[in-house]
Amino acid sequence: MEAVVFLFSLLDCCALIFLSVYFIITLSDLECDYINARSCCSKLNKWVIPELIGHTIVTVLMLVSLHWFIFLLNLPVATWNIYRNTQSGAVKVTHERSNDQAWFLPALFLHVPL
């Protein structure tokens, strides 16, 4: 059972890291004016909810399998992601928010799983 849990966690963490790199590349394209803000937002909005689900699944899986230390490491990040995405209108990256990117890049690194 533990091997299956950690194999799934490894695959999920690889997918989450890939998404984080994709977010950074897309935001750097926006910063260099290779793409406009609308297309950047449409690209990133498709992956916000799957990223939230992936991190929440890993956190719950560690709780169910009684790996307390790893669960406690993932809990603050999963809680922050759930809080940030359940606020009214906060699920989607909007054009107005993309103009002020100073908050987004530090928050992006919170998506990297522990």
PDB file of N, CA and C in Angstrom:
ATOM      1  N   MET A   1       0.825  -1.202   0.000  1.00  0.00           N
ATOM      2  CA  MET A   1       0.000   0.000   0.000  1.00  0.00           C
ATOM      3  C   MET A   1       0.862   1.256   0.000  1.00  0.00           C
ATOM      4  N   GLU A   2       1.935   1.265   0.810  1.00  0.00           N
ATOM      5  CA  GLU A   2       2.776   2.455   0.881  1.00  0.00           C
ATOM      6  C   GLU A   2       3.480   2.730  -0.436  1.00  0.00           C
ATOM      7  N   ALA A   3       3.868   1.674  -1.137  1.00  0.00           N
ATOM      8  CA  ALA A   3       4.533   1.868  -2.421  1.00  0.00           C
ATOM      9  C   ALA A   3       3.596   2.530  -3.425  1.00  0.00           C
ATOM     10  N   VAL A   4       2.333   2.129  -3.418  1.00  0.00           N
ATOM     11  CA  VAL A   4       1.354   2.721  -4.327  1.00  0.00           C
ATOM     12  C   VAL A   4       1.120   4.186  -3.973  1.00  0.00           C
ATOM     13  N   VAL A   5       1.029   4.478  -2.683  1.00  0.00           N
ATOM     14  CA  VAL A   5       0.812   5.856  -2.228  1.00  0.00           C
ATOM     15  C   VAL A   5       1.964   6.746  -2.677  1.00  0.00           C
ATOM     16  N   PHE A   6       3.185   6.291  -2.440  1.00  0.00           N
ATOM     17  CA  PHE A   6       4.324   7.133  -2.797  1.00  0.00           C
ATOM     18  C   PHE A   6       4.554   7.189  -4.302  1.00  0.00           C
ATOM     19  N   LEU A   7       4.221   6.159  -5.037  1.00  0.00           N
ATOM     20  CA  LEU A   7       4.332   6.210  -6.493  1.00  0.00           C
ATOM     21  C   LEU A   7       3.332   7.216  -7.064  1.00  0.00           C
ATOM     22  N   PHE A   8       2.091   7.165  -6.586  1.00  0.00           N
ATOM     23  CA  PHE A   8       1.096   8.136  -7.034  1.00  0.00           C
ATOM     24  C   PHE A   8       1.507   9.552  -6.645  1.00  0.00           C
ATOM     25  N   SER A   9       2.040   9.719  -5.425  1.00  0.00           N
ATOM     26  CA  SER A   9       2.483  11.045  -4.975  1.00  0.00           C
ATOM     27  C   SER A   9       3.630  11.563  -5.835  1.00  0.00           C
ATOM     28  N   LEU A  10       4.529  10.674  -6.214  1.00  0.00           N
ATOM     29  CA  LEU A  10       5.645  11.070  -7.057  1.00  0.00           C
ATOM     30  C   LEU A  10       5.156  11.534  -8.423  1.00  0.00           C
ATOM     31  N   LEU A  11       4.251  10.791  -9.023  1.00  0.00           N
ATOM     32  CA  LEU A  11       3.714  11.166 -10.324  1.00  0.00           C
ATOM     33  C   LEU A  11       2.921  12.472 -10.248  1.00  0.00           C
ATOM     34  N   ASP A  12       2.145  12.637  -9.181  1.00  0.00           N
ATOM     35  CA  ASP A  12       1.363  13.856  -9.003  1.00  0.00           C
ATOM     36  C   ASP A  12       2.279  15.055  -8.778  1.00  0.00           C
ATOM     37  N   CYS A  13       3.315  14.879  -7.988  1.00  0.00           N
ATOM     38  CA  CYS A  13       4.257  15.973  -7.746  1.00  0.00           C
ATOM     39  C   CYS A  13       5.003  16.357  -9.021  1.00  0.00           C
ATOM     40  N   CYS A  14       5.331  15.383  -9.848  1.00  0.00           N
ATOM     41  CA  CYS A  14       5.971  15.679 -11.138  1.00  0.00           C
ATOM     42  C   CYS A  14       5.029  16.505 -12.013  1.00  0.00           C
ATOM     43  N   ALA A  15       3.765  16.153 -12.023  1.00  0.00           N
ATOM     44  CA  ALA A  15       2.786  16.916 -12.811  1.00  0.00           C
ATOM     45  C   ALA A  15       2.637  18.333 -12.260  1.00  0.00           C
ATOM     46  N   LEU A  16       2.637  18.483 -10.936  1.00  0.00           N
ATOM     47  CA  LEU A  16       2.504  19.816 -10.337  1.00  0.00           C
ATOM     48  C   LEU A  16       3.735  20.678 -10.615  1.00  0.00           C
ATOM     49  N   ILE A  17       4.903  20.077 -10.593  1.00  0.00           N
ATOM     50  CA  ILE A  17       6.123  20.825 -10.922  1.00  0.00           C
ATOM     51  C   ILE A  17       6.103  21.243 -12.390  1.00  0.00           C
ATOM     52  N   PHE A  18       5.653  20.348 -13.266  1.00  0.00           N
ATOM     53  CA  PHE A  18       5.528  20.689 -14.674  1.00  0.00           C
ATOM     54  C   PHE A  18       4.573  21.866 -14.863  1.00  0.00           C
ATOM     55  N   LEU A  19       3.450  21.858 -14.147  1.00  0.00           N
ATOM     56  CA  LEU A  19       2.501  22.971 -14.252  1.00  0.00           C
ATOM     57  C   LEU A  19       3.103  24.276 -13.740  1.00  0.00           C
ATOM     58  N   SER A  20       3.881  24.203 -12.678  1.00  0.00           N
ATOM     59  CA  SER A  20       4.517  25.409 -12.147  1.00  0.00           C
ATOM     60  C   SER A  20       5.502  25.988 -13.156  1.00  0.00           C
ATOM     61  N   VAL A  21       6.265  25.135 -13.811  1.00  0.00           N
ATOM     62  CA  VAL A  21       7.196  25.599 -14.841  1.00  0.00           C
ATOM     63  C   VAL A  21       6.427  26.194 -16.017  1.00  0.00           C
ATOM     64  N   TYR A  22       5.322  25.564 -16.397  1.00  0.00           N
ATOM     65  CA  TYR A  22       4.479  26.090 -17.478  1.00  0.00           C
ATOM     66  C   TYR A  22       3.942  27.470 -17.116  1.00  0.00           C
ATOM     67  N   PHE A  23       3.514  27.657 -15.865  1.00  0.00           N
ATOM     68  CA  PHE A  23       3.026  28.962 -15.417  1.00  0.00           C
ATOM     69  C   PHE A  23       4.139  30.008 -15.518  1.00  0.00           C
ATOM     70  N   ILE A  24       5.340  29.656 -15.088  1.00  0.00           N
ATOM     71  CA  ILE A  24       6.446  30.607 -15.113  1.00  0.00           C
ATOM     72  C   ILE A  24       6.805  30.979 -16.550  1.00  0.00           C
ATOM     73  N   ILE A  25       6.849  29.990 -17.439  1.00  0.00           N
ATOM     74  CA  ILE A  25       7.168  30.274 -18.839  1.00  0.00           C
ATOM     75  C   ILE A  25       6.100  31.156 -19.476  1.00  0.00           C
ATOM     76  N   THR A  26       4.842  30.863 -19.194  1.00  0.00           N
ATOM     77  CA  THR A  26       3.761  31.668 -19.762  1.00  0.00           C
ATOM     78  C   THR A  26       3.804  33.097 -19.229  1.00  0.00           C
ATOM     79  N   LEU A  27       4.077  33.258 -17.942  1.00  0.00           N
ATOM     80  CA  LEU A  27       4.164  34.605 -17.382  1.00  0.00           C
ATOM     81  C   LEU A  27       5.392  35.357 -17.894  1.00  0.00           C
ATOM     82  N   SER A  28       6.473  34.650 -18.143  1.00  0.00           N
ATOM     83  CA  SER A  28       7.635  35.339 -18.705  1.00  0.00           C
ATOM     84  C   SER A  28       7.373  35.760 -20.149  1.00  0.00           C
ATOM     85  N   ASP A  29       6.602  34.956 -20.898  1.00  0.00           N
ATOM     86  CA  ASP A  29       6.194  35.374 -22.243  1.00  0.00           C
ATOM     87  C   ASP A  29       5.326  36.627 -22.184  1.00  0.00           C
ATOM     88  N   LEU A  30       4.473  36.697 -21.186  1.00  0.00           N
ATOM     89  CA  LEU A  30       3.637  37.890 -21.013  1.00  0.00           C
ATOM     90  C   LEU A  30       4.500  39.098 -20.675  1.00  0.00           C
ATOM     91  N   GLU A  31       5.483  38.897 -19.825  1.00  0.00           N
ATOM     92  CA  GLU A  31       6.348  40.001 -19.427  1.00  0.00           C
ATOM     93  C   GLU A  31       7.176  40.525 -20.604  1.00  0.00           C
ATOM     94  N   CYS A  32       7.582  39.633 -21.492  1.00  0.00           N
ATOM     95  CA  CYS A  32       8.377  40.035 -22.664  1.00  0.00           C
ATOM     96  C   CYS A  32       7.508  40.473 -23.834  1.00  0.00           C
ATOM     97  N   ASP A  33       6.206  40.513 -23.647  1.00  0.00           N
ATOM     98  CA  ASP A  33       5.248  40.931 -24.670  1.00  0.00           C
ATOM     99  C   ASP A  33       5.206  40.009 -25.885  1.00  0.00           C
ATOM    100  N   TYR A  34       5.471  38.721 -25.673  1.00  0.00           N
ATOM    101  CA  TYR A  34       5.298  37.751 -26.755  1.00  0.00           C
ATOM    102  C   TYR A  34       3.832  37.366 -26.916  1.00  0.00           C
ATOM    103  N   ILE A  35       3.078  37.431 -25.814  1.00  0.00           N
ATOM    104  CA  ILE A  35       1.644  37.167 -25.859  1.00  0.00           C
ATOM    105  C   ILE A  35       0.936  38.293 -25.119  1.00  0.00           C
ATOM    106  N   ASN A  36      -0.336  38.478 -25.411  1.00  0.00           N
ATOM    107  CA  ASN A  36      -1.079  39.520 -24.712  1.00  0.00           C
ATOM    108  C   ASN A  36      -1.693  38.954 -23.425  1.00  0.00           C
ATOM    109  N   ALA A  37      -2.242  39.830 -22.626  1.00  0.00           N
ATOM    110  CA  ALA A  37      -2.751  39.436 -21.310  1.00  0.00           C
ATOM    111  C   ALA A  37      -3.939  38.491 -21.417  1.00  0.00           C
ATOM    112  N   ARG A  38      -4.796  38.703 -22.391  1.00  0.00           N
ATOM    113  CA  ARG A  38      -5.966  37.820 -22.536  1.00  0.00           C
ATOM    114  C   ARG A  38      -5.575  36.391 -22.867  1.00  0.00           C
ATOM    115  N   SER A  39      -4.654  36.207 -23.789  1.00  0.00           N
ATOM    116  CA  SER A  39      -4.262  34.839 -24.141  1.00  0.00           C
ATOM    117  C   SER A  39      -3.486  34.184 -22.995  1.00  0.00           C
ATOM    118  N   CYS A  40      -2.722  34.982 -22.251  1.00  0.00           N
ATOM    119  CA  CYS A  40      -2.019  34.436 -21.086  1.00  0.00           C
ATOM    120  C   CYS A  40      -3.025  33.943 -20.053  1.00  0.00           C
ATOM    121  N   CYS A  41      -4.035  34.755 -19.775  1.00  0.00           N
ATOM    122  CA  CYS A  41      -5.053  34.367 -18.797  1.00  0.00           C
ATOM    123  C   CYS A  41      -5.831  33.146 -19.256  1.00  0.00           C
ATOM    124  N   SER A  42      -6.140  33.079 -20.534  1.00  0.00           N
ATOM    125  CA  SER A  42      -6.888  31.914 -21.018  1.00  0.00           C
ATOM    126  C   SER A  42      -6.050  30.646 -20.944  1.00  0.00           C
ATOM    127  N   LYS A  43      -4.739  30.762 -21.163  1.00  0.00           N
ATOM    128  CA  LYS A  43      -3.860  29.589 -21.043  1.00  0.00           C
ATOM    129  C   LYS A  43      -3.751  29.127 -19.592  1.00  0.00           C
ATOM    130  N   LEU A  44      -3.617  30.069 -18.674  1.00  0.00           N
ATOM    131  CA  LEU A  44      -3.405  29.707 -17.270  1.00  0.00           C
ATOM    132  C   LEU A  44      -4.681  29.271 -16.571  1.00  0.00           C
ATOM    133  N   ASN A  45      -5.819  29.821 -16.965  1.00  0.00           N
ATOM    134  CA  ASN A  45      -7.083  29.488 -16.302  1.00  0.00           C
ATOM    135  C   ASN A  45      -7.464  28.028 -16.476  1.00  0.00           C
ATOM    136  N   LYS A  46      -7.032  27.410 -17.562  1.00  0.00           N
ATOM    137  CA  LYS A  46      -7.357  25.996 -17.779  1.00  0.00           C
ATOM    138  C   LYS A  46      -6.705  25.089 -16.754  1.00  0.00           C
ATOM    139  N   TRP A  47      -5.610  25.534 -16.137  1.00  0.00           N
ATOM    140  CA  TRP A  47      -4.831  24.653 -15.271  1.00  0.00           C
ATOM    141  C   TRP A  47      -4.917  24.980 -13.788  1.00  0.00           C
ATOM    142  N   VAL A  48      -5.679  25.984 -13.404  1.00  0.00           N
ATOM    143  CA  VAL A  48      -5.768  26.360 -11.985  1.00  0.00           C
ATOM    144  C   VAL A  48      -6.495  25.287 -11.177  1.00  0.00           C
ATOM    145  N   ILE A  49      -7.656  24.873 -11.631  1.00  0.00           N
ATOM    146  CA  ILE A  49      -8.448  23.876 -10.888  1.00  0.00           C
ATOM    147  C   ILE A  49      -7.782  22.501 -10.883  1.00  0.00           C
ATOM    148  N   PRO A  50      -7.228  21.994 -12.012  1.00  0.00           N
ATOM    149  CA  PRO A  50      -6.525  20.704 -11.933  1.00  0.00           C
ATOM    150  C   PRO A  50      -5.331  20.735 -10.985  1.00  0.00           C
ATOM    151  N   GLU A  51      -4.645  21.877 -10.917  1.00  0.00           N
ATOM    152  CA  GLU A  51      -3.524  21.995  -9.988  1.00  0.00           C
ATOM    153  C   GLU A  51      -4.006  21.957  -8.537  1.00  0.00           C
ATOM    154  N   LEU A  52      -5.104  22.630  -8.268  1.00  0.00           N
ATOM    155  CA  LEU A  52      -5.689  22.605  -6.933  1.00  0.00           C
ATOM    156  C   LEU A  52      -6.120  21.190  -6.551  1.00  0.00           C
ATOM    157  N   ILE A  53      -6.753  20.492  -7.453  1.00  0.00           N
ATOM    158  CA  ILE A  53      -7.209  19.122  -7.190  1.00  0.00           C
ATOM    159  C   ILE A  53      -6.021  18.195  -6.962  1.00  0.00           C
ATOM    160  N   GLY A  54      -4.983  18.329  -7.778  1.00  0.00           N
ATOM    161  CA  GLY A  54      -3.807  17.476  -7.625  1.00  0.00           C
ATOM    162  C   GLY A  54      -3.127  17.642  -6.279  1.00  0.00           C
ATOM    163  N   HIS A  55      -2.975  18.888  -5.833  1.00  0.00           N
ATOM    164  CA  HIS A  55      -2.325  19.107  -4.537  1.00  0.00           C
ATOM    165  C   HIS A  55      -3.209  18.645  -3.382  1.00  0.00           C
ATOM    166  N   THR A  56      -4.499  18.845  -3.500  1.00  0.00           N
ATOM    167  CA  THR A  56      -5.413  18.406  -2.448  1.00  0.00           C
ATOM    168  C   THR A  56      -5.452  16.886  -2.353  1.00  0.00           C
ATOM    169  N   ILE A  57      -5.410  16.196  -3.487  1.00  0.00           N
ATOM    170  CA  ILE A  57      -5.411  14.733  -3.468  1.00  0.00           C
ATOM    171  C   ILE A  57      -4.179  14.198  -2.754  1.00  0.00           C
ATOM    172  N   VAL A  58      -3.013  14.779  -3.030  1.00  0.00           N
ATOM    173  CA  VAL A  58      -1.786  14.323  -2.365  1.00  0.00           C
ATOM    174  C   VAL A  58      -1.881  14.559  -0.861  1.00  0.00           C
ATOM    175  N   THR A  59      -2.399  15.707  -0.463  1.00  0.00           N
ATOM    176  CA  THR A  59      -2.502  16.013   0.962  1.00  0.00           C
ATOM    177  C   THR A  59      -3.458  15.058   1.662  1.00  0.00           C
ATOM    178  N   VAL A  60      -4.610  14.814   1.074  1.00  0.00           N
ATOM    179  CA  VAL A  60      -5.584  13.896   1.675  1.00  0.00           C
ATOM    180  C   VAL A  60      -5.046  12.471   1.678  1.00  0.00           C
ATOM    181  N   LEU A  61      -4.338  12.089   0.632  1.00  0.00           N
ATOM    182  CA  LEU A  61      -3.759  10.749   0.558  1.00  0.00           C
ATOM    183  C   LEU A  61      -2.733  10.524   1.670  1.00  0.00           C
ATOM    184  N   MET A  62      -1.959  11.534   1.980  1.00  0.00           N
ATOM    185  CA  MET A  62      -0.991  11.412   3.075  1.00  0.00           C
ATOM    186  C   MET A  62      -1.696  11.352   4.428  1.00  0.00           C
ATOM    187  N   LEU A  63      -2.814  12.025   4.559  1.00  0.00           N
ATOM    188  CA  LEU A  63      -3.584  11.938   5.799  1.00  0.00           C
ATOM    189  C   LEU A  63      -4.176  10.548   5.962  1.00  0.00           C
ATOM    190  N   VAL A  64      -4.751  10.007   4.910  1.00  0.00           N
ATOM    191  CA  VAL A  64      -5.395   8.697   4.976  1.00  0.00           C
ATOM    192  C   VAL A  64      -4.370   7.592   5.215  1.00  0.00           C
ATOM    193  N   SER A  65      -3.184   7.739   4.625  1.00  0.00           N
ATOM    194  CA  SER A  65      -2.168   6.696   4.783  1.00  0.00           C
ATOM    195  C   SER A  65      -1.322   6.885   6.044  1.00  0.00           C
ATOM    196  N   LEU A  66      -1.674   7.870   6.859  1.00  0.00           N
ATOM    197  CA  LEU A  66      -1.056   8.125   8.169  1.00  0.00           C
ATOM    198  C   LEU A  66       0.416   8.508   8.085  1.00  0.00           C
ATOM    199  N   HIS A  67       0.773   9.256   7.060  1.00  0.00           N
ATOM    200  CA  HIS A  67       2.111   9.833   6.968  1.00  0.00           C
ATOM    201  C   HIS A  67       2.005  11.275   7.467  1.00  0.00           C
ATOM    202  N   TRP A  68       2.091  11.424   8.778  1.00  0.00           N
ATOM    203  CA  TRP A  68       1.762  12.682   9.432  1.00  0.00           C
ATOM    204  C   TRP A  68       2.714  13.808   9.062  1.00  0.00           C
ATOM    205  N   PHE A  69       4.006  13.519   9.018  1.00  0.00           N
ATOM    206  CA  PHE A  69       4.978  14.581   8.762  1.00  0.00           C
ATOM    207  C   PHE A  69       4.787  15.167   7.364  1.00  0.00           C
ATOM    208  N   ILE A  70       4.621  14.316   6.368  1.00  0.00           N
ATOM    209  CA  ILE A  70       4.427  14.797   5.003  1.00  0.00           C
ATOM    210  C   ILE A  70       3.076  15.507   4.884  1.00  0.00           C
ATOM    211  N   PHE A  71       2.077  14.994   5.590  1.00  0.00           N
ATOM    212  CA  PHE A  71       0.774  15.660   5.606  1.00  0.00           C
ATOM    213  C   PHE A  71       0.889  17.062   6.195  1.00  0.00           C
ATOM    214  N   LEU A  72       1.602  17.201   7.309  1.00  0.00           N
ATOM    215  CA  LEU A  72       1.744  18.510   7.938  1.00  0.00           C
ATOM    216  C   LEU A  72       2.567  19.473   7.085  1.00  0.00           C
ATOM    217  N   LEU A  73       3.492  18.955   6.283  1.00  0.00           N
ATOM    218  CA  LEU A  73       4.234  19.815   5.364  1.00  0.00           C
ATOM    219  C   LEU A  73       3.347  20.330   4.236  1.00  0.00           C
ATOM    220  N   ASN A  74       2.445  19.495   3.753  1.00  0.00           N
ATOM    221  CA  ASN A  74       1.583  19.870   2.636  1.00  0.00           C
ATOM    222  C   ASN A  74       0.342  20.639   3.056  1.00  0.00           C
ATOM    223  N   LEU A  75      -0.063  20.532   4.305  1.00  0.00           N
ATOM    224  CA  LEU A  75      -1.308  21.149   4.759  1.00  0.00           C
ATOM    225  C   LEU A  75      -1.364  22.667   4.587  1.00  0.00           C
ATOM    226  N   PRO A  76      -0.334  23.431   4.983  1.00  0.00           N
ATOM    227  CA  PRO A  76      -0.450  24.896   4.792  1.00  0.00           C
ATOM    228  C   PRO A  76      -0.574  25.306   3.329  1.00  0.00           C
ATOM    229  N   VAL A  77       0.167  24.643   2.453  1.00  0.00           N
ATOM    230  CA  VAL A  77       0.110  24.999   1.036  1.00  0.00           C
ATOM    231  C   VAL A  77      -1.242  24.630   0.442  1.00  0.00           C
ATOM    232  N   ALA A  78      -1.749  23.458   0.781  1.00  0.00           N
ATOM    233  CA  ALA A  78      -3.066  23.048   0.276  1.00  0.00           C
ATOM    234  C   ALA A  78      -4.160  23.957   0.827  1.00  0.00           C
ATOM    235  N   THR A  79      -4.058  24.332   2.088  1.00  0.00           N
ATOM    236  CA  THR A  79      -5.046  25.235   2.685  1.00  0.00           C
ATOM    237  C   THR A  79      -5.019  26.593   1.995  1.00  0.00           C
ATOM    238  N   TRP A  80      -3.824  27.108   1.739  1.00  0.00           N
ATOM    239  CA  TRP A  80      -3.713  28.393   1.049  1.00  0.00           C
ATOM    240  C   TRP A  80      -4.302  28.306  -0.354  1.00  0.00           C
ATOM    241  N   ASN A  81      -4.016  27.234  -1.085  1.00  0.00           N
ATOM    242  CA  ASN A  81      -4.553  27.082  -2.444  1.00  0.00           C
ATOM    243  C   ASN A  81      -6.076  27.001  -2.437  1.00  0.00           C
ATOM    244  N   ILE A  82      -6.621  26.271  -1.498  1.00  0.00           N
ATOM    245  CA  ILE A  82      -8.083  26.163  -1.403  1.00  0.00           C
ATOM    246  C   ILE A  82      -8.694  27.514  -1.042  1.00  0.00           C
ATOM    247  N   TYR A  83      -8.100  28.196  -0.076  1.00  0.00           N
ATOM    248  CA  TYR A  83      -8.611  29.512   0.330  1.00  0.00           C
ATOM    249  C   TYR A  83      -8.553  30.502  -0.828  1.00  0.00           C
ATOM    250  N   ARG A  84      -7.431  30.545  -1.529  1.00  0.00           N
ATOM    251  CA  ARG A  84      -7.231  31.491  -2.621  1.00  0.00           C
ATOM    252  C   ARG A  84      -8.197  31.229  -3.771  1.00  0.00           C
ATOM    253  N   ASN A  85      -8.483  29.960  -4.036  1.00  0.00           N
ATOM    254  CA  ASN A  85      -9.325  29.629  -5.184  1.00  0.00           C
ATOM    255  C   ASN A  85     -10.808  29.582  -4.864  1.00  0.00           C
ATOM    256  N   THR A  86     -11.186  29.602  -3.600  1.00  0.00           N
ATOM    257  CA  THR A  86     -12.605  29.588  -3.257  1.00  0.00           C
ATOM    258  C   THR A  86     -13.147  30.979  -2.959  1.00  0.00           C
ATOM    259  N   GLN A  87     -12.300  31.988  -2.948  1.00  0.00           N
ATOM    260  CA  GLN A  87     -12.778  33.352  -2.755  1.00  0.00           C
ATOM    261  C   GLN A  87     -13.582  33.767  -3.974  1.00  0.00           C
ATOM    262  N   SER A  88     -14.505  34.661  -3.781  1.00  0.00           N
ATOM    263  CA  SER A  88     -15.389  35.063  -4.882  1.00  0.00           C
ATOM    264  C   SER A  88     -14.581  35.713  -6.003  1.00  0.00           C
ATOM    265  N   GLY A  89     -14.653  35.114  -7.164  1.00  0.00           N
ATOM    266  CA  GLY A  89     -13.977  35.656  -8.334  1.00  0.00           C
ATOM    267  C   GLY A  89     -12.479  35.441  -8.376  1.00  0.00           C
ATOM    268  N   ALA A  90     -11.934  34.681  -7.441  1.00  0.00           N
ATOM    269  CA  ALA A  90     -10.486  34.505  -7.404  1.00  0.00           C
ATOM    270  C   ALA A  90     -10.023  33.280  -8.173  1.00  0.00           C
ATOM    271  N   VAL A  91     -10.926  32.481  -8.678  1.00  0.00           N
ATOM    272  CA  VAL A  91     -10.528  31.257  -9.371  1.00  0.00           C
ATOM    273  C   VAL A  91      -9.839  31.586 -10.688  1.00  0.00           C
ATOM    274  N   LYS A  92     -10.311  32.579 -11.359  1.00  0.00           N
ATOM    275  CA  LYS A  92      -9.751  32.889 -12.672  1.00  0.00           C
ATOM    276  C   LYS A  92      -8.774  34.055 -12.578  1.00  0.00           C
ATOM    277  N   VAL A  93      -7.689  33.930 -13.318  1.00  0.00           N
ATOM    278  CA  VAL A  93      -6.749  35.026 -13.451  1.00  0.00           C
ATOM    279  C   VAL A  93      -7.353  36.000 -14.447  1.00  0.00           C
ATOM    280  N   THR A  94      -7.512  37.235 -14.038  1.00  0.00           N
ATOM    281  CA  THR A  94      -8.168  38.202 -14.916  1.00  0.00           C
ATOM    282  C   THR A  94      -7.142  39.133 -15.547  1.00  0.00           C
ATOM    283  N   HIS A  95      -7.593  39.854 -16.517  1.00  0.00           N
ATOM    284  CA  HIS A  95      -6.730  40.806 -17.217  1.00  0.00           C
ATOM    285  C   HIS A  95      -6.231  41.888 -16.261  1.00  0.00           C
ATOM    286  N   GLU A  96      -7.081  42.341 -15.347  1.00  0.00           N
ATOM    287  CA  GLU A  96      -6.677  43.380 -14.410  1.00  0.00           C
ATOM    288  C   GLU A  96      -5.618  42.867 -13.451  1.00  0.00           C
ATOM    289  N   ARG A  97      -5.726  41.608 -13.044  1.00  0.00           N
ATOM    290  CA  ARG A  97      -4.733  41.052 -12.132  1.00  0.00           C
ATOM    291  C   ARG A  97      -3.409  40.799 -12.833  1.00  0.00           C
ATOM    292  N   SER A  98      -3.454  40.475 -14.101  1.00  0.00           N
ATOM    293  CA  SER A  98      -2.210  40.171 -14.793  1.00  0.00           C
ATOM    294  C   SER A  98      -1.357  41.418 -14.994  1.00  0.00           C
ATOM    295  N   ASN A  99      -1.974  42.602 -14.930  1.00  0.00           N
ATOM    296  CA  ASN A  99      -1.193  43.830 -15.039  1.00  0.00           C
ATOM    297  C   ASN A  99      -0.344  44.063 -13.793  1.00  0.00           C
ATOM    298  N   ASP A 100      -0.776  43.554 -12.650  1.00  0.00           N
ATOM    299  CA  ASP A 100      -0.016  43.681 -11.416  1.00  0.00           C
ATOM    300  C   ASP A 100       0.515  42.297 -11.058  1.00  0.00           C
ATOM    301  N   GLN A 101       1.668  41.941 -11.601  1.00  0.00           N
ATOM    302  CA  GLN A 101       2.190  40.591 -11.446  1.00  0.00           C
ATOM    303  C   GLN A 101       3.083  40.430 -10.223  1.00  0.00           C
ATOM    304  N   ALA A 102       3.277  41.464  -9.449  1.00  0.00           N
ATOM    305  CA  ALA A 102       4.200  41.379  -8.318  1.00  0.00           C
ATOM    306  C   ALA A 102       3.746  40.350  -7.287  1.00  0.00           C
ATOM    307  N   TRP A 103       2.458  40.164  -7.115  1.00  0.00           N
ATOM    308  CA  TRP A 103       1.950  39.190  -6.143  1.00  0.00           C
ATOM    309  C   TRP A 103       1.963  37.786  -6.701  1.00  0.00           C
ATOM    310  N   PHE A 104       1.953  37.641  -8.014  1.00  0.00           N
ATOM    311  CA  PHE A 104       1.700  36.335  -8.604  1.00  0.00           C
ATOM    312  C   PHE A 104       2.929  35.436  -8.590  1.00  0.00           C
ATOM    313  N   LEU A 105       4.098  35.967  -8.899  1.00  0.00           N
ATOM    314  CA  LEU A 105       5.284  35.110  -8.961  1.00  0.00           C
ATOM    315  C   LEU A 105       5.678  34.527  -7.605  1.00  0.00           C
ATOM    316  N   PRO A 106       5.675  35.294  -6.491  1.00  0.00           N
ATOM    317  CA  PRO A 106       5.955  34.636  -5.205  1.00  0.00           C
ATOM    318  C   PRO A 106       4.884  33.611  -4.828  1.00  0.00           C
ATOM    319  N   ALA A 107       3.628  33.898  -5.149  1.00  0.00           N
ATOM    320  CA  ALA A 107       2.567  32.944  -4.832  1.00  0.00           C
ATOM    321  C   ALA A 107       2.658  31.709  -5.708  1.00  0.00           C
ATOM    322  N   LEU A 108       3.242  31.840  -6.875  1.00  0.00           N
ATOM    323  CA  LEU A 108       3.375  30.702  -7.787  1.00  0.00           C
ATOM    324  C   LEU A 108       4.273  29.637  -7.200  1.00  0.00           C
ATOM    325  N   PHE A 109       5.295  30.024  -6.454  1.00  0.00           N
ATOM    326  CA  PHE A 109       6.208  29.057  -5.873  1.00  0.00           C
ATOM    327  C   PHE A 109       5.585  28.266  -4.741  1.00  0.00           C
ATOM    328  N   LEU A 110       4.436  28.710  -4.238  1.00  0.00           N
ATOM    329  CA  LEU A 110       3.722  27.926  -3.236  1.00  0.00           C
ATOM    330  C   LEU A 110       3.067  26.705  -3.839  1.00  0.00           C
ATOM    331  N   HIS A 111       2.930  26.671  -5.168  1.00  0.00           N
ATOM    332  CA  HIS A 111       2.314  25.533  -5.824  1.00  0.00           C
ATOM    333  C   HIS A 111       3.250  24.336  -5.899  1.00  0.00           C
ATOM    334  N   VAL A 112       4.543  24.560  -5.741  1.00  0.00           N
ATOM    335  CA  VAL A 112       5.484  23.447  -5.824  1.00  0.00           C
ATOM    336  C   VAL A 112       5.257  22.548  -4.623  1.00  0.00           C
ATOM    337  N   PRO A 113       4.946  21.306  -4.842  1.00  0.00           N
ATOM    338  CA  PRO A 113       4.633  20.406  -3.724  1.00  0.00           C
ATOM    339  C   PRO A 113       5.849  20.121  -2.868  1.00  0.00           C
ATOM    340  N   LEU A 114       5.604  19.856  -1.613  1.00  0.00           N
ATOM    341  CA  LEU A 114       6.700  19.572  -0.679  1.00  0.00           C
ATOM    342  C   LEU A 114       7.008  18.095  -0.659  1.00  0.00           C
TER     343      LEU A 114
END
